[in-house]
Amino acid sequence: MLYIAASSPVKKLVHYSQAEDAPWLWYETFLDSGKVPAKGGHGTDMFKPHPELPGIIVQWLKRTLLRTPAPPPADTLASAQMLNQLNFGGIPGITQVKQQLVEARKKDPQAQLFPEVSADSIGEDYQRDGDAKTALEVFKLLEIAYPQSADVQNDLADAYLANGQKDLAREHAHRALSLLDSHAAPASSWSDTEERRREIRKAVDETLKKASEKES
């Protein structure tokens, strides 16, 4: 996500084989750190199995910090502009991205303008900041882009609940459960592990419980 959004012309992606990529298993928090023991697939854990990596990083730092100034910024990847609009443009920016997606889909029904996980993180940030209305608009956009994602339906259910729309919260919660149960598509475009599926189901169940509570 950082690589996609970064506009630096000297950014570099060092790719290792997919066989060595670590699948999503759990949230990397301090409290949950023991749930997924380090196996050399993420962060500084990669230094031991990939001893050449520290040298690559050092050479990149020398090239970008100690030598001549970097060349003028190059055009960023297409999704970077979209993500910036979602992140900093508020509802008007979200509306613009939605229109761009609609236009792109007229030419290519499978067109995608941004990664699901990146936009999802932006929507969650809005919600954590207490801006449930803008968060909901991000998740509505995500539903257009990734209609088969149970993760997106879960986010929509949670956002509708935060906006006080309990009927719609229940509706999208049930859609998330239907997608999970059908196994017709991955739980999301970025993760389909059983651990992730259980997390989505747990979140959906909590949303349904809250949405069914009677007003006091």
N, C-alpha and C. Protein backbone atom coordinates (compact mmCIF):
# COMPACT_ATOMS: atom_id res chain seq x y z
N MET A 1 0.84 -1.19 0.00
CA MET A 1 0.00 0.00 0.00
C MET A 1 0.88 1.25 0.00
N LEU A 2 1.95 1.24 0.80
CA LEU A 2 2.85 2.39 0.84
C LEU A 2 3.52 2.59 -0.51
N TYR A 3 3.92 1.49 -1.15
CA TYR A 3 4.59 1.61 -2.45
C TYR A 3 3.65 2.19 -3.50
N ILE A 4 2.40 1.74 -3.48
CA ILE A 4 1.43 2.22 -4.47
C ILE A 4 1.18 3.72 -4.29
N ALA A 5 1.09 4.17 -3.04
CA ALA A 5 0.74 5.56 -2.77
C ALA A 5 1.93 6.50 -2.85
N ALA A 6 3.16 5.98 -2.73
CA ALA A 6 4.34 6.85 -2.70
C ALA A 6 4.60 7.46 -4.08
N SER A 7 4.88 8.76 -4.10
CA SER A 7 5.13 9.45 -5.37
C SER A 7 6.61 9.59 -5.69
N SER A 8 7.48 9.15 -4.78
CA SER A 8 8.91 9.32 -4.99
C SER A 8 9.39 8.62 -6.25
N PRO A 9 10.18 9.30 -7.08
CA PRO A 9 10.69 8.67 -8.31
C PRO A 9 11.79 7.65 -8.03
N VAL A 10 12.31 7.60 -6.80
CA VAL A 10 13.39 6.67 -6.49
C VAL A 10 12.92 5.53 -5.60
N LYS A 11 11.62 5.35 -5.48
CA LYS A 11 11.12 4.22 -4.69
C LYS A 11 11.52 2.92 -5.39
N LYS A 12 11.66 1.87 -4.59
CA LYS A 12 12.10 0.59 -5.14
C LYS A 12 11.37 -0.54 -4.44
N LEU A 13 10.84 -1.46 -5.22
CA LEU A 13 10.18 -2.64 -4.67
C LEU A 13 11.10 -3.84 -4.87
N VAL A 14 11.49 -4.46 -3.76
CA VAL A 14 12.30 -5.68 -3.82
C VAL A 14 11.35 -6.85 -3.65
N HIS A 15 11.19 -7.63 -4.71
CA HIS A 15 10.19 -8.70 -4.72
C HIS A 15 10.82 -10.05 -4.44
N TYR A 16 10.18 -10.81 -3.58
CA TYR A 16 10.57 -12.19 -3.33
C TYR A 16 9.47 -13.10 -3.80
N SER A 17 9.79 -14.36 -4.02
CA SER A 17 8.84 -15.29 -4.62
C SER A 17 7.57 -15.40 -3.78
N GLN A 18 6.48 -15.67 -4.44
CA GLN A 18 5.19 -15.77 -3.78
C GLN A 18 5.19 -16.87 -2.73
N ALA A 19 6.02 -17.88 -2.94
CA ALA A 19 6.09 -18.99 -1.99
C ALA A 19 6.58 -18.51 -0.62
N GLU A 20 7.28 -17.38 -0.60
CA GLU A 20 7.82 -16.87 0.65
C GLU A 20 6.97 -15.74 1.23
N ASP A 21 5.92 -15.35 0.51
CA ASP A 21 5.05 -14.29 1.02
C ASP A 21 4.24 -14.81 2.21
N ALA A 22 4.14 -14.01 3.24
CA ALA A 22 3.39 -14.41 4.43
C ALA A 22 1.91 -14.09 4.25
N PRO A 23 1.01 -15.07 4.35
CA PRO A 23 -0.42 -14.78 4.25
C PRO A 23 -0.90 -14.06 5.50
N TRP A 24 -2.03 -13.35 5.36
CA TRP A 24 -2.59 -12.71 6.55
C TRP A 24 -3.09 -13.78 7.50
N LEU A 25 -2.61 -13.76 8.73
CA LEU A 25 -3.06 -14.70 9.75
C LEU A 25 -3.67 -13.99 10.95
N TRP A 26 -3.12 -12.86 11.32
CA TRP A 26 -3.65 -12.15 12.47
C TRP A 26 -3.16 -10.71 12.46
N TYR A 27 -3.80 -9.88 13.28
CA TYR A 27 -3.39 -8.48 13.41
C TYR A 27 -2.07 -8.41 14.18
N GLU A 28 -1.15 -7.63 13.67
CA GLU A 28 0.18 -7.55 14.28
C GLU A 28 0.19 -6.49 15.38
N THR A 29 -0.49 -6.78 16.45
CA THR A 29 -0.52 -5.87 17.59
C THR A 29 0.36 -6.42 18.70
N PHE A 30 0.69 -5.57 19.64
CA PHE A 30 1.55 -5.99 20.75
C PHE A 30 0.88 -7.11 21.55
N LEU A 31 -0.41 -6.97 21.79
CA LEU A 31 -1.11 -7.94 22.62
C LEU A 31 -1.26 -9.28 21.93
N ASP A 32 -1.34 -9.26 20.58
CA ASP A 32 -1.56 -10.50 19.84
C ASP A 32 -0.30 -11.03 19.18
N SER A 33 0.85 -10.53 19.56
CA SER A 33 2.09 -10.87 18.85
C SER A 33 2.40 -12.36 18.89
N GLY A 34 1.93 -13.07 19.91
CA GLY A 34 2.24 -14.49 20.01
C GLY A 34 1.36 -15.38 19.18
N LYS A 35 0.31 -14.84 18.59
CA LYS A 35 -0.61 -15.67 17.82
C LYS A 35 0.01 -16.17 16.52
N VAL A 36 0.92 -15.39 15.95
CA VAL A 36 1.59 -15.79 14.71
C VAL A 36 3.10 -15.63 14.90
N PRO A 37 3.81 -16.69 15.27
CA PRO A 37 5.25 -16.60 15.47
C PRO A 37 5.97 -16.14 14.21
N ALA A 38 7.01 -15.35 14.38
CA ALA A 38 7.78 -14.84 13.24
C ALA A 38 8.47 -16.00 12.52
N LYS A 39 8.34 -16.00 11.19
CA LYS A 39 8.98 -17.05 10.39
C LYS A 39 9.80 -16.45 9.25
N GLY A 40 10.18 -15.19 9.42
CA GLY A 40 11.04 -14.61 8.39
C GLY A 40 10.30 -14.03 7.21
N GLY A 41 9.03 -13.67 7.37
CA GLY A 41 8.28 -13.20 6.22
C GLY A 41 7.84 -11.76 6.27
N HIS A 42 8.21 -11.00 7.32
CA HIS A 42 7.67 -9.65 7.44
C HIS A 42 8.64 -8.78 8.23
N GLY A 43 8.78 -7.52 7.80
CA GLY A 43 9.58 -6.55 8.55
C GLY A 43 11.03 -7.01 8.73
N THR A 44 11.60 -6.66 9.87
CA THR A 44 13.00 -7.01 10.14
C THR A 44 13.20 -8.51 10.29
N ASP A 45 12.11 -9.28 10.43
CA ASP A 45 12.25 -10.74 10.45
C ASP A 45 12.84 -11.25 9.15
N MET A 46 12.76 -10.44 8.08
CA MET A 46 13.26 -10.89 6.78
C MET A 46 14.78 -10.85 6.70
N PHE A 47 15.43 -10.14 7.63
CA PHE A 47 16.88 -9.99 7.53
C PHE A 47 17.64 -11.31 7.64
N LYS A 48 17.17 -12.20 8.52
CA LYS A 48 17.88 -13.46 8.71
C LYS A 48 17.79 -14.37 7.49
N PRO A 49 16.57 -14.63 6.97
CA PRO A 49 16.51 -15.50 5.79
C PRO A 49 16.96 -14.83 4.50
N HIS A 50 17.02 -13.48 4.51
CA HIS A 50 17.44 -12.74 3.31
C HIS A 50 18.59 -11.79 3.70
N PRO A 51 19.80 -12.33 3.92
CA PRO A 51 20.91 -11.51 4.40
C PRO A 51 21.32 -10.38 3.46
N GLU A 52 20.89 -10.47 2.18
CA GLU A 52 21.24 -9.40 1.24
C GLU A 52 20.37 -8.16 1.43
N LEU A 53 19.23 -8.29 2.15
CA LEU A 53 18.27 -7.20 2.25
C LEU A 53 18.82 -5.97 2.98
N PRO A 54 19.54 -6.11 4.11
CA PRO A 54 20.10 -4.90 4.76
C PRO A 54 21.00 -4.11 3.83
N GLY A 55 21.80 -4.81 3.02
CA GLY A 55 22.68 -4.11 2.09
C GLY A 55 21.90 -3.34 1.03
N ILE A 56 20.80 -3.93 0.56
CA ILE A 56 19.95 -3.24 -0.42
C ILE A 56 19.39 -1.96 0.18
N ILE A 57 18.96 -2.04 1.43
CA ILE A 57 18.39 -0.88 2.11
C ILE A 57 19.45 0.21 2.30
N VAL A 58 20.65 -0.20 2.73
CA VAL A 58 21.74 0.77 2.95
C VAL A 58 22.09 1.47 1.64
N GLN A 59 22.20 0.72 0.55
CA GLN A 59 22.54 1.33 -0.73
C GLN A 59 21.46 2.29 -1.19
N TRP A 60 20.19 1.95 -0.94
CA TRP A 60 19.09 2.85 -1.30
C TRP A 60 19.18 4.14 -0.51
N LEU A 61 19.49 4.05 0.80
CA LEU A 61 19.60 5.24 1.64
C LEU A 61 20.77 6.11 1.18
N LYS A 62 21.90 5.49 0.82
CA LYS A 62 23.04 6.26 0.32
C LYS A 62 22.68 6.98 -0.96
N ARG A 63 21.99 6.27 -1.84
CA ARG A 63 21.66 6.84 -3.15
C ARG A 63 20.67 7.99 -3.02
N THR A 64 19.75 7.89 -2.08
CA THR A 64 18.69 8.90 -1.98
C THR A 64 19.01 10.03 -1.00
N LEU A 65 19.86 9.77 -0.01
CA LEU A 65 20.12 10.78 1.02
C LEU A 65 21.50 11.43 0.93
N LEU A 66 22.48 10.74 0.40
CA LEU A 66 23.84 11.24 0.44
C LEU A 66 24.35 11.75 -0.90
N ARG A 67 23.71 11.36 -1.98
CA ARG A 67 24.20 11.76 -3.29
C ARG A 67 23.44 12.98 -3.80
N THR A 68 23.52 13.21 -5.09
CA THR A 68 22.88 14.39 -5.67
C THR A 68 21.37 14.33 -5.49
N PRO A 69 20.71 15.49 -5.49
CA PRO A 69 19.25 15.50 -5.29
C PRO A 69 18.54 14.61 -6.29
N ALA A 70 17.43 14.09 -5.87
CA ALA A 70 16.65 13.20 -6.74
C ALA A 70 16.12 13.98 -7.93
N PRO A 71 15.86 13.31 -9.04
CA PRO A 71 15.29 13.99 -10.21
C PRO A 71 13.88 14.46 -9.90
N PRO A 72 13.33 15.31 -10.76
CA PRO A 72 11.97 15.80 -10.52
C PRO A 72 11.00 14.64 -10.36
N PRO A 73 9.97 14.83 -9.54
CA PRO A 73 9.01 13.76 -9.30
C PRO A 73 8.40 13.24 -10.60
N ALA A 74 8.34 11.93 -10.69
CA ALA A 74 7.70 11.30 -11.84
C ALA A 74 6.21 11.14 -11.57
N ASP A 75 5.46 10.82 -12.61
CA ASP A 75 4.03 10.56 -12.40
C ASP A 75 3.86 9.35 -11.49
N THR A 76 2.96 9.45 -10.55
CA THR A 76 2.72 8.33 -9.66
C THR A 76 1.85 7.30 -10.35
N LEU A 77 1.74 6.11 -9.76
CA LEU A 77 0.82 5.11 -10.28
C LEU A 77 -0.59 5.68 -10.21
N ALA A 78 -1.45 5.23 -11.09
CA ALA A 78 -2.79 5.80 -11.20
C ALA A 78 -3.54 5.76 -9.89
N SER A 79 -3.38 4.70 -9.12
CA SER A 79 -4.16 4.58 -7.89
C SER A 79 -3.74 5.58 -6.83
N ALA A 80 -2.52 6.08 -6.89
CA ALA A 80 -2.07 7.03 -5.88
C ALA A 80 -2.95 8.28 -5.85
N GLN A 81 -3.30 8.78 -7.04
CA GLN A 81 -4.16 9.96 -7.11
C GLN A 81 -5.53 9.66 -6.53
N MET A 82 -6.06 8.48 -6.84
CA MET A 82 -7.37 8.10 -6.32
C MET A 82 -7.35 8.00 -4.80
N LEU A 83 -6.32 7.38 -4.28
CA LEU A 83 -6.21 7.20 -2.83
C LEU A 83 -6.08 8.55 -2.13
N ASN A 84 -5.33 9.47 -2.74
CA ASN A 84 -5.20 10.80 -2.14
C ASN A 84 -6.55 11.52 -2.12
N GLN A 85 -7.34 11.35 -3.19
CA GLN A 85 -8.67 11.97 -3.21
C GLN A 85 -9.56 11.38 -2.11
N LEU A 86 -9.47 10.08 -1.93
CA LEU A 86 -10.28 9.44 -0.88
C LEU A 86 -9.81 9.88 0.50
N ASN A 87 -8.52 10.01 0.65
CA ASN A 87 -7.94 10.28 1.97
C ASN A 87 -8.09 11.73 2.39
N PHE A 88 -7.97 12.65 1.44
CA PHE A 88 -7.92 14.07 1.80
C PHE A 88 -9.04 14.91 1.16
N GLY A 89 -9.81 14.30 0.26
CA GLY A 89 -10.81 15.09 -0.47
C GLY A 89 -12.18 15.08 0.15
N GLY A 90 -12.36 14.30 1.24
CA GLY A 90 -13.67 14.23 1.86
C GLY A 90 -14.71 13.67 0.90
N ILE A 91 -15.97 13.96 1.16
CA ILE A 91 -17.04 13.42 0.32
C ILE A 91 -16.94 13.91 -1.13
N PRO A 92 -16.57 15.18 -1.41
CA PRO A 92 -16.41 15.59 -2.81
C PRO A 92 -15.35 14.76 -3.54
N GLY A 93 -14.25 14.47 -2.85
CA GLY A 93 -13.20 13.65 -3.47
C GLY A 93 -13.68 12.24 -3.73
N ILE A 94 -14.44 11.68 -2.79
CA ILE A 94 -14.98 10.33 -2.95
C ILE A 94 -15.94 10.30 -4.15
N THR A 95 -16.75 11.34 -4.28
CA THR A 95 -17.70 11.43 -5.39
C THR A 95 -16.97 11.47 -6.72
N GLN A 96 -15.85 12.19 -6.77
CA GLN A 96 -15.06 12.27 -8.01
C GLN A 96 -14.49 10.91 -8.38
N VAL A 97 -13.97 10.19 -7.40
CA VAL A 97 -13.41 8.87 -7.66
C VAL A 97 -14.51 7.91 -8.13
N LYS A 98 -15.68 8.03 -7.52
CA LYS A 98 -16.81 7.19 -7.93
C LYS A 98 -17.15 7.42 -9.39
N GLN A 99 -17.19 8.68 -9.81
CA GLN A 99 -17.50 9.00 -11.19
C GLN A 99 -16.43 8.46 -12.13
N GLN A 100 -15.17 8.57 -11.72
CA GLN A 100 -14.08 8.03 -12.53
C GLN A 100 -14.18 6.52 -12.67
N LEU A 101 -14.58 5.84 -11.59
CA LEU A 101 -14.74 4.40 -11.65
C LEU A 101 -15.90 4.02 -12.58
N VAL A 102 -17.00 4.75 -12.48
CA VAL A 102 -18.15 4.48 -13.35
C VAL A 102 -17.75 4.64 -14.81
N GLU A 103 -17.02 5.70 -15.12
CA GLU A 103 -16.59 5.94 -16.50
C GLU A 103 -15.63 4.86 -16.97
N ALA A 104 -14.73 4.44 -16.08
CA ALA A 104 -13.77 3.39 -16.44
C ALA A 104 -14.48 2.07 -16.69
N ARG A 105 -15.52 1.79 -15.91
CA ARG A 105 -16.26 0.54 -16.06
C ARG A 105 -17.06 0.49 -17.37
N LYS A 106 -17.39 1.65 -17.93
CA LYS A 106 -18.09 1.68 -19.21
C LYS A 106 -17.19 1.12 -20.31
N LYS A 107 -15.88 1.36 -20.19
CA LYS A 107 -14.93 0.88 -21.18
C LYS A 107 -14.47 -0.54 -20.86
N ASP A 108 -14.30 -0.81 -19.56
CA ASP A 108 -13.85 -2.13 -19.12
C ASP A 108 -14.59 -2.50 -17.84
N PRO A 109 -15.56 -3.40 -17.92
CA PRO A 109 -16.36 -3.75 -16.74
C PRO A 109 -15.54 -4.29 -15.57
N GLN A 110 -14.32 -4.73 -15.85
CA GLN A 110 -13.46 -5.28 -14.79
C GLN A 110 -12.44 -4.25 -14.27
N ALA A 111 -12.51 -3.02 -14.74
CA ALA A 111 -11.51 -2.02 -14.36
C ALA A 111 -11.51 -1.76 -12.86
N GLN A 112 -10.31 -1.63 -12.30
CA GLN A 112 -10.14 -1.26 -10.90
C GLN A 112 -9.20 -0.06 -10.83
N LEU A 113 -9.57 0.92 -10.03
CA LEU A 113 -8.77 2.14 -9.93
C LEU A 113 -7.95 2.22 -8.66
N PHE A 114 -8.21 1.32 -7.71
CA PHE A 114 -7.49 1.37 -6.44
C PHE A 114 -7.58 -0.01 -5.77
N PRO A 115 -6.60 -0.35 -4.94
CA PRO A 115 -6.65 -1.63 -4.23
C PRO A 115 -7.71 -1.59 -3.13
N GLU A 116 -8.40 -2.67 -2.95
CA GLU A 116 -9.43 -2.75 -1.91
C GLU A 116 -8.86 -2.45 -0.53
N VAL A 117 -7.74 -3.07 -0.20
CA VAL A 117 -7.20 -2.94 1.15
C VAL A 117 -6.81 -1.50 1.47
N SER A 118 -6.33 -0.75 0.46
CA SER A 118 -5.92 0.63 0.69
C SER A 118 -7.12 1.52 0.97
N ALA A 119 -8.15 1.40 0.15
CA ALA A 119 -9.35 2.21 0.36
C ALA A 119 -10.07 1.81 1.64
N ASP A 120 -10.04 0.52 1.94
CA ASP A 120 -10.65 0.03 3.17
C ASP A 120 -10.00 0.68 4.40
N SER A 121 -8.69 0.78 4.38
CA SER A 121 -7.97 1.41 5.49
C SER A 121 -8.35 2.88 5.64
N ILE A 122 -8.55 3.56 4.51
CA ILE A 122 -8.95 4.97 4.55
C ILE A 122 -10.34 5.11 5.17
N GLY A 123 -11.27 4.25 4.75
CA GLY A 123 -12.61 4.30 5.33
C GLY A 123 -12.60 4.04 6.83
N GLU A 124 -11.80 3.07 7.25
CA GLU A 124 -11.70 2.77 8.67
C GLU A 124 -11.09 3.93 9.45
N ASP A 125 -10.15 4.64 8.83
CA ASP A 125 -9.56 5.81 9.49
C ASP A 125 -10.62 6.89 9.72
N TYR A 126 -11.46 7.14 8.71
CA TYR A 126 -12.54 8.11 8.89
C TYR A 126 -13.44 7.69 10.05
N GLN A 127 -13.75 6.42 10.11
CA GLN A 127 -14.67 5.94 11.15
C GLN A 127 -14.03 6.05 12.53
N ARG A 128 -12.74 5.73 12.63
CA ARG A 128 -12.05 5.85 13.92
C ARG A 128 -12.00 7.30 14.38
N ASP A 129 -11.95 8.23 13.41
CA ASP A 129 -11.92 9.65 13.74
C ASP A 129 -13.30 10.20 14.07
N GLY A 130 -14.32 9.35 14.03
CA GLY A 130 -15.67 9.79 14.35
C GLY A 130 -16.46 10.35 13.19
N ASP A 131 -15.89 10.25 11.98
CA ASP A 131 -16.59 10.76 10.80
C ASP A 131 -17.27 9.57 10.10
N ALA A 132 -18.34 9.08 10.70
CA ALA A 132 -19.01 7.90 10.17
C ALA A 132 -19.66 8.17 8.81
N LYS A 133 -20.08 9.40 8.58
CA LYS A 133 -20.74 9.72 7.32
C LYS A 133 -19.78 9.57 6.14
N THR A 134 -18.56 10.11 6.28
CA THR A 134 -17.59 10.00 5.20
C THR A 134 -17.11 8.56 5.06
N ALA A 135 -16.93 7.88 6.18
CA ALA A 135 -16.54 6.47 6.14
C ALA A 135 -17.54 5.66 5.32
N LEU A 136 -18.83 5.92 5.53
CA LEU A 136 -19.87 5.20 4.82
C LEU A 136 -19.75 5.44 3.31
N GLU A 137 -19.43 6.66 2.90
CA GLU A 137 -19.30 6.94 1.48
C GLU A 137 -18.12 6.18 0.87
N VAL A 138 -17.03 6.04 1.63
CA VAL A 138 -15.89 5.26 1.14
C VAL A 138 -16.30 3.80 0.94
N PHE A 139 -17.02 3.25 1.91
CA PHE A 139 -17.42 1.85 1.82
C PHE A 139 -18.47 1.62 0.72
N LYS A 140 -19.33 2.62 0.47
CA LYS A 140 -20.27 2.52 -0.65
C LYS A 140 -19.50 2.44 -1.98
N LEU A 141 -18.44 3.25 -2.09
CA LEU A 141 -17.59 3.21 -3.27
C LEU A 141 -16.91 1.85 -3.40
N LEU A 142 -16.45 1.33 -2.28
CA LEU A 142 -15.81 0.02 -2.29
C LEU A 142 -16.78 -1.08 -2.74
N GLU A 143 -18.04 -0.94 -2.37
CA GLU A 143 -19.02 -1.94 -2.79
C GLU A 143 -19.17 -1.95 -4.31
N ILE A 144 -19.10 -0.78 -4.92
CA ILE A 144 -19.16 -0.71 -6.39
C ILE A 144 -17.94 -1.39 -6.99
N ALA A 145 -16.79 -1.12 -6.40
CA ALA A 145 -15.53 -1.65 -6.94
C ALA A 145 -15.36 -3.14 -6.66
N TYR A 146 -15.77 -3.57 -5.46
CA TYR A 146 -15.56 -4.97 -5.05
C TYR A 146 -16.86 -5.55 -4.49
N PRO A 147 -17.86 -5.76 -5.35
CA PRO A 147 -19.18 -6.18 -4.87
C PRO A 147 -19.22 -7.57 -4.25
N GLN A 148 -18.24 -8.41 -4.54
CA GLN A 148 -18.24 -9.78 -4.01
C GLN A 148 -17.41 -9.93 -2.74
N SER A 149 -16.95 -8.82 -2.19
CA SER A 149 -16.11 -8.87 -0.99
C SER A 149 -16.97 -8.90 0.28
N ALA A 150 -16.87 -9.99 1.03
CA ALA A 150 -17.57 -10.07 2.31
C ALA A 150 -17.01 -9.04 3.28
N ASP A 151 -15.72 -8.74 3.15
CA ASP A 151 -15.09 -7.75 4.02
C ASP A 151 -15.72 -6.38 3.82
N VAL A 152 -15.98 -6.01 2.58
CA VAL A 152 -16.61 -4.72 2.28
C VAL A 152 -18.02 -4.68 2.84
N GLN A 153 -18.77 -5.78 2.69
CA GLN A 153 -20.13 -5.82 3.23
C GLN A 153 -20.13 -5.68 4.75
N ASN A 154 -19.14 -6.27 5.38
CA ASN A 154 -18.99 -6.13 6.83
C ASN A 154 -18.71 -4.67 7.21
N ASP A 155 -17.84 -4.02 6.45
CA ASP A 155 -17.54 -2.61 6.71
C ASP A 155 -18.78 -1.74 6.52
N LEU A 156 -19.55 -2.04 5.48
CA LEU A 156 -20.78 -1.29 5.24
C LEU A 156 -21.77 -1.46 6.39
N ALA A 157 -21.91 -2.70 6.86
CA ALA A 157 -22.82 -2.95 7.98
C ALA A 157 -22.40 -2.15 9.20
N ASP A 158 -21.13 -2.14 9.49
CA ASP A 158 -20.62 -1.41 10.65
C ASP A 158 -20.81 0.10 10.48
N ALA A 159 -20.58 0.59 9.25
CA ALA A 159 -20.73 2.02 9.00
C ALA A 159 -22.19 2.46 9.09
N TYR A 160 -23.09 1.65 8.54
CA TYR A 160 -24.52 1.99 8.65
C TYR A 160 -24.95 1.99 10.12
N LEU A 161 -24.44 1.05 10.89
CA LEU A 161 -24.76 1.01 12.31
C LEU A 161 -24.27 2.28 13.00
N ALA A 162 -23.06 2.71 12.67
CA ALA A 162 -22.50 3.92 13.26
C ALA A 162 -23.31 5.15 12.89
N ASN A 163 -23.98 5.09 11.72
CA ASN A 163 -24.81 6.21 11.28
C ASN A 163 -26.25 6.07 11.75
N GLY A 164 -26.52 5.07 12.59
CA GLY A 164 -27.85 4.91 13.15
C GLY A 164 -28.85 4.25 12.23
N GLN A 165 -28.40 3.65 11.12
CA GLN A 165 -29.29 3.02 10.16
C GLN A 165 -29.26 1.51 10.37
N LYS A 166 -29.99 1.05 11.37
CA LYS A 166 -29.90 -0.34 11.80
C LYS A 166 -30.44 -1.33 10.77
N ASP A 167 -31.48 -0.96 10.05
CA ASP A 167 -32.04 -1.87 9.04
C ASP A 167 -31.00 -2.16 7.95
N LEU A 168 -30.34 -1.10 7.48
CA LEU A 168 -29.32 -1.29 6.45
C LEU A 168 -28.10 -2.01 7.02
N ALA A 169 -27.82 -1.78 8.29
CA ALA A 169 -26.71 -2.50 8.93
C ALA A 169 -26.98 -3.99 8.92
N ARG A 170 -28.19 -4.38 9.28
CA ARG A 170 -28.54 -5.80 9.27
C ARG A 170 -28.51 -6.37 7.85
N GLU A 171 -29.01 -5.58 6.89
CA GLU A 171 -29.06 -6.04 5.50
C GLU A 171 -27.66 -6.39 4.99
N HIS A 172 -26.70 -5.49 5.21
CA HIS A 172 -25.35 -5.73 4.72
C HIS A 172 -24.61 -6.77 5.56
N ALA A 173 -24.95 -6.88 6.81
CA ALA A 173 -24.37 -7.94 7.64
C ALA A 173 -24.77 -9.31 7.10
N HIS A 174 -26.03 -9.45 6.72
CA HIS A 174 -26.50 -10.72 6.17
C HIS A 174 -25.88 -10.99 4.79
N ARG A 175 -25.65 -9.93 4.03
CA ARG A 175 -24.96 -10.11 2.75
C ARG A 175 -23.54 -10.64 2.98
N ALA A 176 -22.87 -10.10 3.98
CA ALA A 176 -21.52 -10.56 4.30
C ALA A 176 -21.53 -12.04 4.66
N LEU A 177 -22.49 -12.44 5.48
CA LEU A 177 -22.58 -13.84 5.88
C LEU A 177 -22.89 -14.74 4.67
N SER A 178 -23.75 -14.28 3.78
CA SER A 178 -24.09 -15.06 2.59
C SER A 178 -22.86 -15.27 1.71
N LEU A 179 -22.07 -14.22 1.55
CA LEU A 179 -20.85 -14.33 0.74
C LEU A 179 -19.85 -15.28 1.39
N LEU A 180 -19.72 -15.19 2.71
CA LEU A 180 -18.80 -16.08 3.41
C LEU A 180 -19.26 -17.53 3.28
N ASP A 181 -20.55 -17.77 3.42
CA ASP A 181 -21.08 -19.13 3.38
C ASP A 181 -21.03 -19.74 1.99
N SER A 182 -21.18 -18.91 0.98
CA SER A 182 -21.22 -19.43 -0.39
C SER A 182 -19.85 -19.86 -0.90
N HIS A 183 -18.81 -19.24 -0.41
CA HIS A 183 -17.43 -19.49 -0.89
C HIS A 183 -17.35 -19.28 -2.41
N ALA A 184 -18.25 -18.49 -2.96
CA ALA A 184 -18.25 -18.22 -4.39
C ALA A 184 -17.12 -17.27 -4.78
N ALA A 185 -16.62 -16.54 -3.81
CA ALA A 185 -15.55 -15.58 -4.07
C ALA A 185 -14.68 -15.48 -2.82
N PRO A 186 -13.46 -14.96 -2.94
CA PRO A 186 -12.62 -14.76 -1.76
C PRO A 186 -13.30 -13.82 -0.77
N ALA A 187 -12.94 -13.93 0.50
CA ALA A 187 -13.51 -13.05 1.52
C ALA A 187 -13.20 -11.58 1.21
N SER A 188 -12.07 -11.35 0.59
CA SER A 188 -11.69 -10.02 0.11
C SER A 188 -10.65 -10.23 -0.98
N SER A 189 -10.34 -9.16 -1.70
CA SER A 189 -9.35 -9.29 -2.78
C SER A 189 -7.94 -9.43 -2.24
N TRP A 190 -7.76 -9.15 -0.95
CA TRP A 190 -6.40 -9.17 -0.40
C TRP A 190 -6.16 -10.29 0.59
N SER A 191 -7.20 -10.97 1.06
CA SER A 191 -7.00 -12.05 2.01
C SER A 191 -8.21 -12.98 2.03
N ASP A 192 -7.89 -14.28 2.01
CA ASP A 192 -8.98 -15.26 2.06
C ASP A 192 -8.60 -16.43 2.98
N THR A 193 -7.82 -16.15 4.01
CA THR A 193 -7.45 -17.20 4.95
C THR A 193 -8.63 -17.51 5.86
N GLU A 194 -8.62 -18.69 6.45
CA GLU A 194 -9.67 -19.07 7.38
C GLU A 194 -9.69 -18.14 8.59
N GLU A 195 -8.50 -17.69 9.01
CA GLU A 195 -8.42 -16.77 10.15
C GLU A 195 -9.13 -15.46 9.83
N ARG A 196 -8.91 -14.97 8.61
CA ARG A 196 -9.55 -13.72 8.21
C ARG A 196 -11.06 -13.89 8.11
N ARG A 197 -11.49 -15.03 7.56
CA ARG A 197 -12.92 -15.30 7.46
C ARG A 197 -13.58 -15.34 8.84
N ARG A 198 -12.90 -15.95 9.80
CA ARG A 198 -13.46 -15.99 11.16
C ARG A 198 -13.56 -14.60 11.76
N GLU A 199 -12.58 -13.75 11.48
CA GLU A 199 -12.61 -12.38 12.00
C GLU A 199 -13.79 -11.60 11.41
N ILE A 200 -14.02 -11.77 10.10
CA ILE A 200 -15.14 -11.08 9.47
C ILE A 200 -16.46 -11.56 10.06
N ARG A 201 -16.59 -12.88 10.21
CA ARG A 201 -17.82 -13.45 10.75
C ARG A 201 -18.06 -12.94 12.18
N LYS A 202 -17.00 -12.89 12.96
CA LYS A 202 -17.13 -12.41 14.33
C LYS A 202 -17.60 -10.96 14.36
N ALA A 203 -17.02 -10.12 13.48
CA ALA A 203 -17.40 -8.71 13.42
C ALA A 203 -18.86 -8.56 12.97
N VAL A 204 -19.26 -9.37 11.99
CA VAL A 204 -20.64 -9.33 11.50
C VAL A 204 -21.62 -9.71 12.60
N ASP A 205 -21.30 -10.77 13.34
CA ASP A 205 -22.17 -11.21 14.44
C ASP A 205 -22.33 -10.10 15.49
N GLU A 206 -21.24 -9.40 15.77
CA GLU A 206 -21.29 -8.30 16.75
C GLU A 206 -22.17 -7.16 16.23
N THR A 207 -22.05 -6.87 14.93
CA THR A 207 -22.88 -5.82 14.33
C THR A 207 -24.35 -6.20 14.39
N LEU A 208 -24.66 -7.45 14.05
CA LEU A 208 -26.05 -7.91 14.10
C LEU A 208 -26.61 -7.82 15.52
N LYS A 209 -25.80 -8.17 16.48
CA LYS A 209 -26.24 -8.10 17.88
C LYS A 209 -26.56 -6.66 18.28
N LYS A 210 -25.68 -5.73 17.91
CA LYS A 210 -25.89 -4.32 18.26
C LYS A 210 -27.08 -3.76 17.48
N ALA A 211 -27.22 -4.17 16.22
CA ALA A 211 -28.30 -3.64 15.39
C ALA A 211 -29.66 -4.15 15.83
N SER A 212 -29.66 -5.26 16.58
CA SER A 212 -30.93 -5.85 17.03
C SER A 212 -31.31 -5.40 18.44
N GLU A 213 -30.41 -4.68 19.10
CA GLU A 213 -30.71 -4.20 20.44
C GLU A 213 -31.79 -3.15 20.39
N LYS A 214 -32.71 -3.21 21.32
CA LYS A 214 -33.79 -2.22 21.37
C LYS A 214 -33.27 -0.92 21.97
N GLU A 215 -33.84 0.16 21.47
CA GLU A 215 -33.48 1.47 22.02
C GLU A 215 -33.95 1.56 23.46
N SER A 216 -33.08 2.07 24.33
CA SER A 216 -33.45 2.21 25.76
C SER A 216 -34.22 3.51 25.97
